[in-house]
Amino acid sequence: MITGSALSRDSLMRAGISDAEIFIMATNDDMINLLGCSFAKKVYSELVGERNATGLRTIANIHDPGLEHPSRGAGPLSNWTRADHIVSAADEIVGQLAASLLAPSIDEILPLGESSWIASTEVTNSSALIGTTTGEVGGIFAGMPSIYSIKKSDEKGALSKGDEIIEPGDILVFVSNSTDQFSQITRSVGKSDPELKEKAQIAVFGASQFGVRLSDYYLRRGHSVVVIEPELDLANELVGSSVGNSKRLDVIHGDPQDEDLLRELDIHSHDIAVAALEDDNLNIAISMRAKDKGVLRTGLVLRDRALVDAVQRIGSINPVSRRQVVVTGILKSIHMNVPGTFQVIPNVPEVISISAEVKAEQGIEGWSISKIESKFGARIAMIDREDFDGKVSVLDPNEVDTILLGDRLYILLLKDDLKKLEKILGS
């Protein structure tokens, strides 16, 4: 731990910048993050004598996604700044929260590639899976996604071998190729979620960056949205934006905790309520109040993962941690041989997910799935394969005889085995 400034040559030298391979800027100031990457490259090149500083990979976290826009912003930032990788997690946060609200009783829902999902949830006493093995689930329950990892009570998480007997309290990790399978997972572990209407009524508390993006997300899918914003300037800004042009959007300037306002809005009749203000504690209070008033699906955006864990213990509310999604984005940039996904499964932290493209130098072209899993010490959950027309299909491992060059493998493995796998992949 070094006390100092990322824009101080002395601080960087004390931190050992000349020996560094990766430099990450993750302050709350986007401009400082971009400038810090440039300055780090400058100091590194002076000390090492390498003009282009190719030995130092720089990563900048960007809070305002508008900066990356090619016309309204200055994007692509990586084309002209000295940040090798830009992490902007706003869209991922919105997508993850929206997915979790489709199946609020599933403990963790995480993205895996463009259209696949990791769903991790606990088995209840009323589950139909109790007494079966993890490998039997797909054969017994038609259309069920496969189980790739299991965490027994008071034990560490492990990759599923197919012979583990499912018991109450087990945490099962499924991989689903569609959000349509969430309801099957929910029912199989003995839980239930209400059906979401095709044209739902959504309440969003806060016209923050995430509140606006969530509103846009639901409006694009045909739902109706009301946004309650306590600050007049932010409310007016939303009304005057492209999102504010929708006839299915109402923007109200008012206090999200005003009982009379909530009664006037008939908040109990809304299908989803999401708190997206900048204050974590206020978001928690608003979400709990919406739940108490009868909203069946409530979600919130929080900064801190520790608060997410606390809210999940309360139950019935779906939180997403901004910090966790940002850290996942940074990890993706660090592990460049496995781009597209790299994340820890929070309630089974011993297991991680990554992806990797099959290349000639790896020597695994033509191998079977079982041979690759044995070599990697991992589980292959999904495969992206591009056809001659450039169309990408998502394949279940059971549908694939052999691996081809250019395939993208989505892999679950133990965190302790990551270095071994990256070595195999040529990292």
Protein backbone atom coordinates (compact mmCIF):
# COMPACT_ATOMS: atom_id res chain seq x y z
CA MET A 1 0.00 0.00 0.00
CA ILE A 2 1.50 3.32 -1.14
CA THR A 3 0.12 6.71 -0.11
CA GLY A 4 0.43 9.13 -2.99
CA SER A 5 -0.98 10.35 -6.29
CA ALA A 6 -1.20 8.49 -9.59
CA LEU A 7 -0.15 11.79 -11.19
CA SER A 8 3.03 11.99 -9.12
CA ARG A 9 6.26 10.70 -10.66
CA ASP A 10 7.67 10.09 -7.19
CA SER A 11 4.61 8.03 -6.15
CA LEU A 12 4.80 5.87 -9.27
CA MET A 13 8.50 5.25 -8.76
CA ARG A 14 7.95 4.28 -5.12
CA ALA A 15 5.22 1.90 -6.27
CA GLY A 16 7.69 0.20 -8.62
CA ILE A 17 6.17 1.27 -11.93
CA SER A 18 9.26 0.12 -13.85
CA ASP A 19 8.60 -3.49 -12.75
CA ALA A 20 4.85 -3.37 -13.36
CA GLU A 21 3.09 -5.22 -16.16
CA ILE A 22 -0.42 -3.89 -15.52
CA PHE A 23 -1.52 -0.41 -14.38
CA ILE A 24 -5.17 0.16 -13.38
CA MET A 25 -6.82 3.56 -12.87
CA ALA A 26 -10.12 3.21 -10.99
CA THR A 27 -10.67 6.56 -9.22
CA ASN A 28 -14.04 8.34 -9.24
CA ASP A 29 -12.79 10.86 -11.85
CA ASP A 30 -12.85 9.69 -15.48
CA MET A 31 -10.44 12.38 -16.64
CA ILE A 32 -7.93 11.46 -13.92
CA ASN A 33 -8.21 7.80 -14.92
CA LEU A 34 -7.41 8.54 -18.57
CA LEU A 35 -4.66 11.03 -17.72
CA GLY A 36 -3.18 8.62 -15.17
CA CYS A 37 -2.77 5.91 -17.82
CA SER A 38 -0.93 8.33 -20.11
CA PHE A 39 1.33 9.54 -17.31
CA ALA A 40 2.11 5.98 -16.18
CA LYS A 41 3.18 5.09 -19.72
CA LYS A 42 5.35 8.22 -19.84
CA VAL A 43 7.13 7.45 -16.55
CA TYR A 44 7.50 3.76 -17.45
CA SER A 45 9.09 4.59 -20.82
CA GLU A 46 11.56 6.98 -19.16
CA LEU A 47 12.65 4.42 -16.58
CA VAL A 48 12.77 1.36 -18.83
CA GLY A 49 14.02 3.08 -21.95
CA GLU A 50 11.17 1.79 -24.09
CA ARG A 51 9.57 4.62 -26.01
CA ASN A 52 6.15 3.03 -26.63
CA ALA A 53 5.90 1.43 -23.16
CA THR A 54 4.57 -1.80 -24.69
CA GLY A 55 5.59 -3.71 -21.56
CA LEU A 56 2.97 -1.89 -19.49
CA ARG A 57 -0.71 -2.58 -20.06
CA THR A 58 -2.97 0.24 -18.83
CA ILE A 59 -6.65 -0.07 -17.89
CA ALA A 60 -8.99 2.89 -17.21
CA ASN A 61 -12.39 2.62 -15.56
CA ILE A 62 -14.92 5.08 -17.03
CA HIS A 63 -18.09 5.97 -15.12
CA ASP A 64 -19.72 8.07 -17.86
CA PRO A 65 -20.44 5.78 -20.85
CA GLY A 66 -21.20 8.86 -22.96
CA LEU A 67 -17.45 9.48 -23.21
CA GLU A 68 -17.15 6.36 -25.37
CA HIS A 69 -19.81 7.51 -27.87
CA PRO A 70 -18.17 8.15 -31.29
CA SER A 71 -20.09 11.40 -31.99
CA ARG A 72 -21.60 12.74 -28.74
CA GLY A 73 -18.48 11.73 -26.84
CA ALA A 74 -14.80 11.16 -27.64
CA GLY A 75 -14.86 7.44 -28.42
CA PRO A 76 -13.34 5.09 -29.06
CA LEU A 77 -11.11 6.26 -26.22
CA SER A 78 -8.57 3.47 -26.71
CA ASN A 79 -7.81 4.87 -30.19
CA TRP A 80 -6.30 8.11 -28.94
CA THR A 81 -5.69 7.88 -25.19
CA ARG A 82 -2.87 5.77 -23.79
CA ALA A 83 -5.32 3.52 -22.00
CA ASP A 84 -4.98 0.10 -23.60
CA HIS A 85 -8.36 -1.03 -22.27
CA ILE A 86 -11.45 0.97 -21.32
CA VAL A 87 -13.83 -0.49 -18.72
CA SER A 88 -17.34 1.00 -18.84
CA ALA A 89 -19.81 -1.20 -16.98
CA ALA A 90 -23.06 0.80 -17.21
CA ASP A 91 -24.77 -1.44 -19.78
CA GLU A 92 -23.63 -4.61 -17.99
CA ILE A 93 -25.10 -3.33 -14.72
CA VAL A 94 -28.46 -2.61 -16.35
CA GLY A 95 -28.55 -5.96 -18.17
CA GLN A 96 -27.64 -7.92 -15.05
CA LEU A 97 -30.27 -6.18 -12.92
CA ALA A 98 -32.98 -6.63 -15.56
CA ALA A 99 -32.15 -10.35 -15.88
CA SER A 100 -32.26 -10.85 -12.11
CA LEU A 101 -35.73 -9.28 -11.97
CA LEU A 102 -37.04 -11.91 -14.39
CA ALA A 103 -36.42 -14.56 -11.72
CA PRO A 104 -36.12 -12.77 -8.36
CA SER A 105 -35.95 -16.00 -6.35
CA ILE A 106 -32.69 -17.10 -8.03
CA ASP A 107 -29.84 -16.02 -5.74
CA GLU A 108 -27.29 -14.96 -8.40
CA ILE A 109 -27.74 -14.37 -12.14
CA LEU A 110 -24.57 -13.47 -14.06
CA PRO A 111 -23.94 -13.00 -17.79
CA LEU A 112 -21.94 -15.60 -19.70
CA GLY A 113 -21.30 -14.37 -23.23
CA GLU A 114 -23.89 -12.55 -25.32
CA SER A 115 -26.97 -14.67 -24.61
CA SER A 116 -26.10 -17.21 -21.91
CA TRP A 117 -26.41 -16.90 -18.16
CA ILE A 118 -25.04 -18.41 -14.97
CA ALA A 119 -27.82 -19.03 -12.44
CA SER A 120 -26.76 -19.96 -8.92
CA THR A 121 -29.38 -20.81 -6.32
CA GLU A 122 -30.03 -22.80 -3.14
CA VAL A 123 -32.07 -26.01 -3.04
CA THR A 124 -35.11 -25.78 -0.74
CA ASN A 125 -36.76 -28.60 1.22
CA SER A 126 -39.58 -28.80 -1.36
CA SER A 127 -37.27 -29.24 -4.37
CA ALA A 128 -38.03 -32.08 -6.80
CA LEU A 129 -34.27 -32.47 -7.32
CA ILE A 130 -33.60 -33.84 -3.83
CA GLY A 131 -32.20 -37.36 -3.99
CA THR A 132 -31.20 -37.19 -7.66
CA THR A 133 -27.63 -36.79 -8.87
CA THR A 134 -26.42 -33.65 -10.60
CA GLY A 135 -25.88 -35.60 -13.82
CA GLU A 136 -29.44 -36.97 -13.89
CA VAL A 137 -31.20 -33.62 -13.79
CA GLY A 138 -31.28 -33.01 -17.56
CA GLY A 139 -32.60 -36.50 -18.28
CA ILE A 140 -35.34 -36.39 -15.65
CA PHE A 141 -36.57 -32.84 -16.21
CA ALA A 142 -37.02 -32.05 -19.91
CA GLY A 143 -35.40 -28.82 -21.05
CA MET A 144 -33.54 -28.23 -17.80
CA PRO A 145 -30.13 -26.56 -18.13
CA SER A 146 -27.17 -28.57 -16.86
CA ILE A 147 -25.53 -28.22 -13.44
CA TYR A 148 -21.85 -27.29 -13.64
CA SER A 149 -20.94 -26.65 -10.02
CA ILE A 150 -22.23 -27.52 -6.57
CA LYS A 151 -21.53 -26.20 -3.09
CA LYS A 152 -22.52 -28.46 -0.22
CA SER A 153 -23.37 -26.95 3.17
CA ASP A 154 -20.20 -26.06 5.11
CA GLU A 155 -18.01 -27.20 2.19
CA LYS A 156 -16.15 -25.39 -0.57
CA GLY A 157 -17.65 -25.09 -4.01
CA ALA A 158 -16.57 -27.70 -6.57
CA LEU A 159 -17.09 -28.51 -10.23
CA SER A 160 -19.89 -31.00 -10.70
CA LYS A 161 -18.84 -34.52 -11.75
CA GLY A 162 -22.41 -35.72 -12.22
CA ASP A 163 -22.49 -38.16 -9.29
CA GLU A 164 -23.20 -35.72 -6.43
CA ILE A 165 -26.54 -36.39 -4.70
CA ILE A 166 -28.58 -33.20 -4.36
CA GLU A 167 -29.68 -32.30 -0.83
CA PRO A 168 -31.54 -29.39 0.78
CA GLY A 169 -29.22 -26.43 1.33
CA ASP A 170 -26.96 -27.26 -1.61
CA ILE A 171 -26.12 -24.35 -3.91
CA LEU A 172 -26.36 -25.40 -7.56
CA VAL A 173 -24.78 -23.51 -10.45
CA PHE A 174 -26.66 -23.84 -13.74
CA VAL A 175 -25.71 -22.47 -17.15
CA SER A 176 -28.69 -21.39 -19.24
CA ASN A 177 -28.63 -20.38 -22.91
CA SER A 178 -31.77 -18.27 -22.48
CA THR A 179 -33.63 -16.30 -19.83
CA ASP A 180 -36.64 -18.46 -20.76
CA GLN A 181 -35.09 -21.29 -18.71
CA PHE A 182 -35.05 -19.27 -15.48
CA SER A 183 -38.56 -20.42 -14.56
CA GLN A 184 -37.52 -24.08 -14.91
CA ILE A 185 -34.58 -23.52 -12.57
CA THR A 186 -36.80 -21.72 -10.07
CA ARG A 187 -39.41 -24.49 -9.96
CA SER A 188 -36.82 -27.27 -9.83
CA VAL A 189 -35.25 -25.99 -6.59
CA GLY A 190 -38.65 -25.57 -4.96
CA LYS A 191 -39.17 -21.84 -5.42
CA SER A 192 -41.70 -19.82 -7.42
CA ASP A 193 -41.84 -16.46 -9.17
CA PRO A 194 -44.90 -14.60 -10.49
CA GLU A 195 -45.32 -14.34 -14.25
CA LEU A 196 -44.13 -11.03 -15.71
CA LYS A 197 -46.67 -9.36 -17.98
CA GLU A 198 -45.80 -8.87 -21.62
CA LYS A 199 -46.54 -5.14 -21.18
CA ALA A 200 -45.47 -4.45 -17.61
CA GLN A 201 -45.66 -1.29 -15.52
CA ILE A 202 -42.22 -0.25 -14.24
CA ALA A 203 -41.39 2.29 -11.51
CA VAL A 204 -37.83 3.66 -11.49
CA PHE A 205 -36.76 5.79 -8.53
CA GLY A 206 -34.03 8.18 -9.68
CA ALA A 207 -33.10 9.72 -13.03
CA SER A 208 -29.44 8.87 -12.44
CA GLN A 209 -27.26 7.42 -15.19
CA PHE A 210 -28.52 3.95 -14.28
CA GLY A 211 -32.12 5.08 -13.82
CA VAL A 212 -32.20 6.56 -17.32
CA ARG A 213 -30.57 3.47 -18.84
CA LEU A 214 -32.98 1.16 -17.05
CA SER A 215 -35.91 3.24 -18.28
CA ASP A 216 -34.61 3.06 -21.83
CA TYR A 217 -34.08 -0.71 -21.49
CA TYR A 218 -37.71 -1.33 -20.50
CA LEU A 219 -39.19 1.19 -22.94
CA ARG A 220 -37.41 -0.52 -25.84
CA ARG A 221 -39.12 -3.76 -24.82
CA GLY A 222 -42.60 -2.29 -24.91
CA HIS A 223 -43.15 -1.70 -21.19
CA SER A 224 -44.47 1.49 -19.57
CA VAL A 225 -42.18 3.38 -17.18
CA VAL A 226 -42.65 6.06 -14.54
CA VAL A 227 -39.53 7.77 -13.16
CA ILE A 228 -39.66 9.54 -9.79
CA GLU A 229 -36.75 11.98 -9.37
CA PRO A 230 -36.27 14.29 -6.35
CA GLU A 231 -34.00 16.79 -8.17
CA LEU A 232 -35.77 19.07 -10.66
CA ASP A 233 -32.73 19.51 -12.93
CA LEU A 234 -32.30 15.76 -13.41
CA ALA A 235 -36.02 15.30 -14.04
CA ASN A 236 -36.00 18.05 -16.69
CA GLU A 237 -32.86 16.62 -18.26
CA LEU A 238 -34.58 13.25 -18.71
CA VAL A 239 -37.71 14.87 -20.17
CA GLY A 240 -35.58 16.69 -22.75
CA SER A 241 -33.53 13.65 -23.73
CA SER A 242 -34.17 11.11 -26.49
CA VAL A 243 -35.46 8.66 -23.86
CA GLY A 244 -37.95 11.28 -22.68
CA ASN A 245 -39.67 11.34 -26.10
CA SER A 246 -41.44 8.03 -25.44
CA LYS A 247 -45.21 8.21 -24.93
CA ARG A 248 -44.91 5.32 -22.46
CA LEU A 249 -42.67 7.31 -20.11
CA ASP A 250 -43.87 9.56 -17.29
CA VAL A 251 -41.34 11.65 -15.35
CA ILE A 252 -42.39 12.97 -11.95
CA HIS A 253 -40.44 15.45 -9.83
CA GLY A 254 -41.01 14.42 -6.24
CA ASP A 255 -39.79 12.68 -3.12
CA PRO A 256 -39.53 8.88 -3.67
CA GLN A 257 -40.46 8.40 0.01
CA ASP A 258 -43.57 10.61 -0.09
CA GLU A 259 -46.46 8.37 0.98
CA ASP A 260 -49.07 10.54 -0.75
CA LEU A 261 -47.12 10.43 -4.02
CA LEU A 262 -46.73 6.65 -3.84
CA ARG A 263 -50.45 6.30 -3.15
CA GLU A 264 -51.29 8.58 -6.08
CA LEU A 265 -49.07 6.47 -8.35
CA ASP A 266 -50.75 3.24 -7.17
CA ILE A 267 -47.27 1.88 -6.56
CA HIS A 268 -48.75 -1.46 -5.45
CA SER A 269 -50.06 -2.03 -8.99
CA HIS A 270 -46.60 -1.84 -10.59
CA ASP A 271 -44.93 -5.05 -11.73
CA ILE A 272 -41.35 -3.90 -11.09
CA ALA A 273 -39.84 -1.18 -8.90
CA VAL A 274 -36.14 -0.28 -9.13
CA ALA A 275 -34.24 2.15 -6.90
CA ALA A 276 -31.40 3.79 -8.84
CA LEU A 277 -30.50 6.86 -6.78
CA GLU A 278 -26.92 7.72 -5.78
CA ASP A 279 -27.53 7.01 -2.07
CA ASP A 280 -27.21 3.29 -1.22
CA ASN A 281 -29.12 3.53 2.05
CA LEU A 282 -31.95 5.45 0.40
CA ASN A 283 -32.13 2.84 -2.37
CA ILE A 284 -32.45 0.07 0.21
CA ALA A 285 -35.20 1.95 2.08
CA ILE A 286 -37.16 2.67 -1.11
CA SER A 287 -36.92 -0.92 -2.34
CA MET A 288 -38.09 -2.32 0.99
CA ARG A 289 -41.01 0.13 1.05
CA ALA A 290 -42.03 -0.85 -2.50
CA LYS A 291 -41.88 -4.52 -1.49
CA ASP A 292 -44.00 -3.83 1.60
CA LYS A 293 -46.60 -2.08 -0.56
CA GLY A 294 -47.03 -5.15 -2.76
CA VAL A 295 -44.59 -4.78 -5.67
CA LEU A 296 -43.59 -8.36 -6.49
CA ARG A 297 -40.29 -7.56 -8.20
CA THR A 298 -38.03 -4.97 -6.60
CA GLY A 299 -34.41 -4.22 -7.47
CA LEU A 300 -31.75 -1.67 -6.67
CA VAL A 301 -28.31 -0.54 -7.76
CA LEU A 302 -25.71 -0.41 -4.97
CA ARG A 303 -22.07 0.61 -4.92
CA ASP A 304 -20.85 -1.87 -2.33
CA ARG A 305 -20.88 -5.68 -2.62
CA ALA A 306 -21.06 -5.97 1.18
CA LEU A 307 -24.40 -4.16 1.12
CA VAL A 308 -25.57 -6.50 -1.64
CA ASP A 309 -24.87 -9.48 0.61
CA ALA A 310 -26.75 -7.81 3.47
CA VAL A 311 -29.79 -7.06 1.29
CA GLN A 312 -29.84 -10.62 -0.05
CA ARG A 313 -29.95 -11.95 3.50
CA ILE A 314 -33.07 -9.84 4.06
CA GLY A 315 -34.56 -11.56 1.00
CA SER A 316 -37.14 -10.69 -1.68
CA ILE A 317 -35.11 -7.77 -3.10
CA ASN A 318 -32.73 -8.04 -6.06
CA PRO A 319 -29.59 -5.88 -5.70
CA VAL A 320 -26.72 -5.43 -8.15
CA SER A 321 -23.32 -4.14 -7.03
CA ARG A 322 -21.80 -1.52 -9.33
CA ARG A 323 -18.39 -2.18 -7.82
CA GLN A 324 -18.57 -5.92 -8.48
CA VAL A 325 -19.51 -5.42 -12.14
CA VAL A 326 -16.68 -2.89 -12.58
CA VAL A 327 -14.16 -5.25 -10.96
CA THR A 328 -15.35 -8.02 -13.29
CA GLY A 329 -14.75 -5.70 -16.26
CA ILE A 330 -11.23 -4.93 -15.04
CA LEU A 331 -10.50 -8.64 -14.61
CA LYS A 332 -11.64 -9.25 -18.19
CA SER A 333 -9.08 -6.72 -19.38
CA ILE A 334 -6.30 -8.25 -17.27
CA HIS A 335 -6.88 -11.80 -18.51
CA MET A 336 -6.69 -10.93 -22.19
CA ASN A 337 -6.41 -14.55 -23.34
CA VAL A 338 -9.91 -15.07 -22.01
CA PRO A 339 -11.79 -11.93 -23.13
CA GLY A 340 -15.55 -11.64 -23.04
CA THR A 341 -16.09 -13.02 -19.57
CA PHE A 342 -14.17 -13.39 -16.36
CA GLN A 343 -16.01 -13.39 -13.08
CA VAL A 344 -16.28 -14.99 -9.69
CA ILE A 345 -19.63 -16.51 -8.73
CA PRO A 346 -20.35 -14.64 -5.46
CA ASN A 347 -22.16 -17.39 -3.55
CA VAL A 348 -19.71 -20.05 -4.83
CA PRO A 349 -16.49 -17.98 -4.75
CA GLU A 350 -14.19 -20.94 -5.40
CA VAL A 351 -15.55 -21.19 -8.97
CA ILE A 352 -14.98 -18.69 -11.78
CA SER A 353 -16.17 -18.38 -15.37
CA ILE A 354 -14.02 -17.40 -18.31
CA SER A 355 -14.07 -17.71 -22.08
CA ALA A 356 -11.36 -18.52 -24.60
CA GLU A 357 -11.07 -18.70 -28.38
CA VAL A 358 -9.68 -21.89 -29.92
CA LYS A 359 -6.43 -21.12 -31.78
CA ALA A 360 -4.08 -23.32 -33.79
CA GLU A 361 -1.13 -22.91 -31.41
CA GLN A 362 -3.16 -24.42 -28.55
CA GLY A 363 -3.26 -27.80 -30.30
CA ILE A 364 -6.82 -28.66 -29.24
CA GLU A 365 -8.55 -28.43 -32.63
CA GLY A 366 -10.50 -31.62 -33.33
CA TRP A 367 -10.61 -32.66 -29.67
CA SER A 368 -13.80 -33.89 -28.02
CA ILE A 369 -15.41 -31.97 -25.16
CA SER A 370 -14.52 -34.69 -22.65
CA LYS A 371 -10.86 -34.66 -23.72
CA ILE A 372 -10.66 -30.86 -23.38
CA GLU A 373 -12.35 -30.92 -19.97
CA SER A 374 -9.86 -33.55 -18.80
CA LYS A 375 -6.92 -31.52 -20.13
CA PHE A 376 -8.17 -28.21 -18.72
CA GLY A 377 -9.44 -29.59 -15.40
CA ALA A 378 -12.58 -27.57 -16.09
CA ARG A 379 -16.13 -27.76 -17.45
CA ILE A 380 -17.15 -26.47 -20.88
CA ALA A 381 -20.55 -24.81 -20.44
CA MET A 382 -21.27 -23.27 -23.86
CA ILE A 383 -19.66 -22.92 -27.29
CA ASP A 384 -20.01 -20.05 -29.76
CA ARG A 385 -19.47 -21.21 -33.35
CA GLU A 386 -19.47 -19.00 -36.44
CA ASP A 387 -20.74 -20.40 -39.76
CA PHE A 388 -19.60 -19.50 -43.29
CA ASP A 389 -22.02 -16.55 -43.40
CA GLY A 390 -20.61 -15.07 -40.20
CA LYS A 391 -23.64 -16.01 -38.09
CA VAL A 392 -22.75 -17.10 -34.55
CA SER A 393 -24.65 -19.99 -32.96
CA VAL A 394 -24.60 -20.88 -29.26
CA LEU A 395 -24.13 -24.64 -28.90
CA ASP A 396 -24.65 -26.93 -25.94
CA PRO A 397 -21.55 -29.11 -25.34
CA ASN A 398 -23.75 -32.19 -25.78
CA GLU A 399 -24.41 -31.10 -29.38
CA VAL A 400 -20.71 -30.84 -30.30
CA ASP A 401 -18.58 -33.79 -31.42
CA THR A 402 -15.29 -31.96 -31.92
CA ILE A 403 -13.90 -28.47 -31.36
CA LEU A 404 -13.07 -26.29 -34.38
CA LEU A 405 -10.67 -23.39 -34.85
CA GLY A 406 -12.39 -20.11 -34.01
CA ASP A 407 -14.83 -21.65 -31.54
CA ARG A 408 -15.27 -19.66 -28.34
CA LEU A 409 -15.42 -21.86 -25.26
CA TYR A 410 -17.24 -20.72 -22.12
CA ILE A 411 -15.54 -22.41 -19.20
CA LEU A 412 -16.20 -22.91 -15.50
CA LEU A 413 -13.18 -23.81 -13.39
CA LEU A 414 -11.80 -23.59 -9.88
CA LYS A 415 -10.13 -20.26 -9.17
CA ASP A 416 -6.98 -22.07 -8.02
CA ASP A 417 -6.60 -23.66 -11.49
CA LEU A 418 -6.67 -20.39 -13.45
CA LYS A 419 -2.89 -20.08 -13.88
CA LYS A 420 -2.68 -23.65 -15.14
CA LEU A 421 -5.41 -23.01 -17.71
CA GLU A 422 -3.92 -19.73 -18.90
CA LYS A 423 -0.59 -21.52 -19.41
CA ILE A 424 -2.34 -24.12 -21.58
CA LEU A 425 -4.00 -21.33 -23.55
CA GLY A 426 -0.66 -19.65 -24.15
CA SER A 427 -0.98 -16.71 -21.74
